[in-house]
């Protein structure tokens, strides 16, 4: 055995001359380890890139999904507070309105009976007679309430409460307190006084306009 041979070593590692044998690692295992590390790194990058793309195209949908779906909130109208409620309309009283009762039907005495009933309800009565040719036998409904344009929001709706289904129309007259009641073919009788008074009260005190501010989830 050569003096260069380390103690306890022999065989193929025995040094017989002045040259040392090279002790090399197993290159196959090293390559396998590097391949595994490279594969894991590549998979990690691919997964991270996929998550980034999902976040871009969904606008952070993953976070929203994790938090759960947004609650289905419904908006319900709520009446405006009393200070902002519509003020009561300054409607004329029946005693401030003069009604001309005109009969456009072939039935006689209809205008007089209607005028007497309106007088009992507090209206002033003007002309009582037959309707002019413009309306004579040409009103198929219960009747027409006809007055000046200035009476569209005053005398016309007040008198209209006395006859359900009456058509409200305006003309070029200049007296807003004088209104014609033209009785049509379908006229049977005036609206009951109790019902007419209820409609008139509602007309004078409109309900507050609802505002969609309340949300329930």
Protein backbone atom coordinates (compact mmCIF):
# COMPACT_ATOMS: atom_id res chain seq x y z
CA UNK A 1 0.00 0.00 0.00
CA UNK A 2 1.26 3.40 -0.88
CA UNK A 3 1.92 5.98 1.74
CA UNK A 4 -0.58 8.19 -0.08
CA UNK A 5 -3.45 5.84 0.65
CA UNK A 6 -5.54 7.14 3.56
CA UNK A 7 -5.91 4.77 6.48
CA UNK A 8 -8.86 2.37 6.18
CA UNK A 9 -9.20 2.78 2.45
CA UNK A 10 -8.28 0.21 -0.05
CA UNK A 11 -9.56 -1.47 -3.09
CA UNK A 12 -10.45 0.91 -5.83
CA UNK A 13 -9.53 3.84 -3.68
CA UNK A 14 -6.09 2.55 -2.99
CA UNK A 15 -3.46 4.88 -4.26
CA UNK A 16 -0.64 3.06 -5.81
CA UNK A 17 1.09 5.92 -7.51
CA UNK A 18 1.29 9.68 -7.37
CA UNK A 19 -2.24 10.27 -8.78
CA UNK A 20 -5.42 10.62 -6.70
CA UNK A 21 -8.73 9.12 -7.86
CA UNK A 22 -11.53 11.74 -8.35
CA UNK A 23 -14.56 11.32 -6.10
CA UNK A 24 -17.52 12.64 -8.13
CA UNK A 25 -21.10 13.13 -7.03
CA UNK A 26 -23.99 11.42 -8.78
CA UNK A 27 -24.98 13.90 -11.50
CA UNK A 28 -28.28 12.12 -12.22
CA UNK A 29 -29.76 12.95 -8.80
CA UNK A 30 -28.68 16.58 -9.08
CA UNK A 31 -30.43 16.97 -12.43
CA UNK A 32 -33.63 15.41 -11.07
CA UNK A 33 -33.63 17.79 -8.09
CA UNK A 34 -33.13 20.82 -10.33
CA UNK A 35 -35.92 19.67 -12.65
CA UNK A 36 -38.34 19.28 -9.70
CA UNK A 37 -37.52 22.74 -8.35
CA UNK A 38 -37.93 24.29 -11.80
CA UNK A 39 -41.28 22.55 -12.31
CA UNK A 40 -42.63 23.73 -8.94
CA UNK A 41 -41.49 27.29 -9.66
CA UNK A 42 -43.17 27.24 -13.09
CA UNK A 43 -46.42 25.91 -11.63
CA UNK A 44 -46.38 28.61 -8.96
CA UNK A 45 -45.90 31.36 -11.53
CA UNK A 46 -48.68 29.97 -13.73
CA UNK A 47 -51.11 29.83 -10.78
CA UNK A 48 -50.25 33.35 -9.67
CA UNK A 49 -50.67 34.69 -13.20
CA UNK A 50 -54.05 32.97 -13.54
CA UNK A 51 -55.32 34.59 -10.33
CA UNK A 52 -54.16 38.00 -11.55
CA UNK A 53 -56.01 37.57 -14.86
CA UNK A 54 -59.21 36.51 -13.05
CA UNK A 55 -58.97 39.55 -10.79
CA UNK A 56 -58.50 41.88 -13.78
CA UNK A 57 -61.42 40.54 -15.84
CA UNK A 58 -63.84 40.17 -12.94
CA UNK A 59 -62.99 43.42 -11.18
CA UNK A 60 -62.06 41.79 -7.90
CA UNK A 61 -64.88 39.29 -8.12
CA UNK A 62 -63.11 36.88 -5.79
CA UNK A 63 -63.36 39.35 -2.92
CA UNK A 64 -66.99 40.05 -3.68
CA UNK A 65 -67.72 36.32 -3.86
CA UNK A 66 -66.02 35.74 -0.54
CA UNK A 67 -68.13 38.45 1.05
CA UNK A 68 -71.29 36.87 -0.34
CA UNK A 69 -73.94 38.30 -2.75
CA UNK A 70 -75.08 41.87 -2.26
CA UNK A 71 -78.36 42.14 -0.35
CA UNK A 72 -81.47 42.72 -2.44
CA UNK A 73 -82.51 46.16 -1.24
CA UNK A 74 -85.93 47.43 -2.22
CA UNK A 75 -86.94 51.07 -2.25
CA UNK A 76 -90.38 51.78 -0.91
CA UNK A 77 -92.15 55.11 -1.28
CA UNK A 78 -92.64 57.04 1.91
CA UNK A 79 -94.90 60.03 2.30
CA UNK A 80 -93.18 63.37 2.49
CA UNK A 81 -93.11 64.95 5.93
CA UNK A 82 -95.97 67.25 6.75
CA UNK A 83 -94.01 70.52 6.26
CA UNK A 84 -93.39 69.63 2.59
CA UNK A 85 -96.90 68.27 1.91
CA UNK A 86 -98.89 69.95 -0.83
CA UNK A 87 -100.88 72.87 0.56
CA UNK A 88 -104.67 72.79 0.41
CA UNK A 89 -106.11 74.31 -2.74
CA UNK A 90 -108.10 77.49 -2.36
CA UNK A 91 -111.21 76.20 -4.10
CA UNK A 92 -114.32 78.35 -4.39
CA UNK A 93 -117.32 77.43 -2.27
CA UNK A 94 -120.55 76.32 -3.99
CA UNK A 95 -122.17 79.67 -3.11
CA UNK A 96 -119.48 81.44 -5.18
CA UNK A 97 -120.28 79.48 -8.34
CA UNK A 98 -123.17 80.27 -10.70
CA UNK A 99 -124.37 77.21 -12.62
CA UNK A 100 -126.28 77.34 -15.91
CA UNK A 101 -128.16 74.03 -16.22
CA UNK A 102 -128.73 73.10 -19.85
CA UNK A 103 -130.62 70.03 -21.07
CA UNK A 104 -129.11 68.28 -24.12
CA UNK A 105 -131.56 65.33 -23.94
CA UNK A 106 -135.08 64.90 -25.32
CA UNK A 107 -136.44 64.50 -21.78
CA UNK A 108 -138.38 67.54 -20.64
CA UNK A 109 -138.10 69.05 -17.14
CA UNK A 110 -134.64 67.53 -16.53
CA UNK A 111 -132.82 70.85 -16.32
CA UNK A 112 -135.28 72.34 -13.80
CA UNK A 113 -135.15 69.35 -11.44
CA UNK A 114 -131.35 69.33 -11.54
CA UNK A 115 -131.17 73.08 -10.94
CA UNK A 116 -133.41 72.77 -7.88
CA UNK A 117 -131.14 70.07 -6.43
CA UNK A 118 -128.01 72.15 -7.03
CA UNK A 119 -129.67 75.11 -5.30
CA UNK A 120 -130.27 72.91 -2.24
CA UNK A 121 -126.59 72.06 -2.21
CA UNK A 122 -125.60 75.71 -2.01
CA UNK A 123 -124.86 76.54 -5.65
CA UNK A 124 -126.20 79.65 -7.34
CA UNK A 125 -128.38 78.89 -10.34
CA UNK A 126 -128.32 81.04 -13.47
CA UNK A 127 -129.92 80.06 -16.78
CA UNK A 128 -132.09 76.94 -16.90
CA UNK A 129 -133.17 75.60 -20.30
CA UNK A 130 -132.20 73.60 -23.36
CA UNK A 131 -128.62 73.25 -24.57
CA UNK A 132 -127.49 75.12 -27.70
CA UNK A 133 -127.24 73.31 -31.04
CA UNK A 134 -123.54 72.65 -30.43
CA UNK A 135 -124.48 70.19 -27.67
CA UNK A 136 -128.18 69.43 -28.18
CA UNK A 137 -128.53 65.62 -28.37
CA UNK A 138 -124.77 65.37 -28.93
CA UNK A 139 -123.63 64.50 -25.41
CA UNK A 140 -123.65 60.71 -25.00
CA UNK A 141 -122.22 60.67 -21.47
CA UNK A 142 -123.71 61.89 -18.17
CA UNK A 143 -122.86 65.49 -18.93
CA UNK A 144 -120.31 68.22 -19.56
CA UNK A 145 -119.05 70.84 -17.10
CA UNK A 146 -118.05 73.81 -19.23
CA UNK A 147 -116.32 77.02 -18.07
CA UNK A 148 -113.53 79.51 -18.57
CA UNK A 149 -109.88 78.44 -18.74
CA UNK A 150 -109.28 80.25 -15.47
CA UNK A 151 -111.84 77.94 -13.84
CA UNK A 152 -110.01 74.73 -14.82
CA UNK A 153 -108.55 74.34 -11.31
CA UNK A 154 -111.35 76.04 -9.43
CA UNK A 155 -115.06 76.14 -10.30
CA UNK A 156 -114.96 73.29 -12.84
CA UNK A 157 -113.68 70.53 -10.51
CA UNK A 158 -115.94 71.76 -7.69
CA UNK A 159 -119.05 71.41 -9.85
CA UNK A 160 -117.63 68.19 -11.32
CA UNK A 161 -117.89 66.53 -7.89
CA UNK A 162 -121.68 66.76 -8.20
CA UNK A 163 -121.89 64.58 -11.31
CA UNK A 164 -119.81 61.40 -11.53
CA UNK A 165 -118.41 60.81 -15.01
CA UNK A 166 -118.94 64.38 -16.21
CA UNK A 167 -116.43 65.71 -18.76
CA UNK A 168 -114.65 68.94 -17.83
CA UNK A 169 -114.06 71.37 -20.72
CA UNK A 170 -113.07 75.01 -21.13
CA UNK A 171 -114.05 77.73 -23.59
CA UNK A 172 -113.29 81.41 -24.22
CA UNK A 173 -115.67 82.92 -21.68
CA UNK A 174 -114.22 85.52 -19.31
CA UNK A 175 -116.25 84.83 -16.15
CA UNK A 176 -114.50 82.04 -14.20
CA UNK A 177 -117.27 81.85 -11.59
CA UNK A 178 -119.98 81.07 -14.19
CA UNK A 179 -120.13 77.42 -15.26
CA UNK A 180 -122.44 75.47 -17.56
CA UNK A 181 -123.72 72.01 -16.66
CA UNK A 182 -124.83 70.35 -19.89
CA UNK A 183 -126.90 67.23 -19.17
CA UNK A 184 -126.14 64.32 -21.52
CA UNK A 185 -128.07 61.28 -22.72
CA UNK A 186 -126.64 59.01 -19.98
CA UNK A 187 -127.62 61.41 -17.20
CA UNK A 188 -129.78 59.84 -14.50
CA UNK A 189 -129.22 61.92 -11.38
CA UNK A 190 -126.62 63.97 -9.58
CA UNK A 191 -124.12 62.20 -7.35
CA UNK A 192 -125.42 61.67 -3.83
CA UNK A 193 -124.62 64.70 -1.69
CA UNK A 194 -122.71 62.64 0.89
CA UNK A 195 -120.44 61.15 -1.77
CA UNK A 196 -119.98 64.50 -3.51
CA UNK A 197 -118.95 66.13 -0.21
CA UNK A 198 -116.31 63.42 0.38
CA UNK A 199 -114.83 63.93 -3.07
CA UNK A 200 -114.81 67.69 -2.56
CA UNK A 201 -112.98 67.30 0.77
CA UNK A 202 -110.35 65.09 -0.85
CA UNK A 203 -109.99 67.57 -3.68
CA UNK A 204 -109.35 70.43 -1.26
CA UNK A 205 -106.83 68.45 0.82
CA UNK A 206 -104.62 66.37 -1.49
CA UNK A 207 -102.44 63.62 -0.02
CA UNK A 208 -98.68 64.26 0.31
CA UNK A 209 -96.61 63.14 -2.64
CA UNK A 210 -94.69 59.92 -1.86
CA UNK A 211 -90.91 60.08 -2.10
CA UNK A 212 -88.84 56.94 -2.72
CA UNK A 213 -86.35 57.29 0.13
CA UNK A 214 -86.86 54.25 2.38
CA UNK A 215 -84.83 51.11 1.60
CA UNK A 216 -85.46 47.72 3.10
CA UNK A 217 -82.90 44.94 2.78
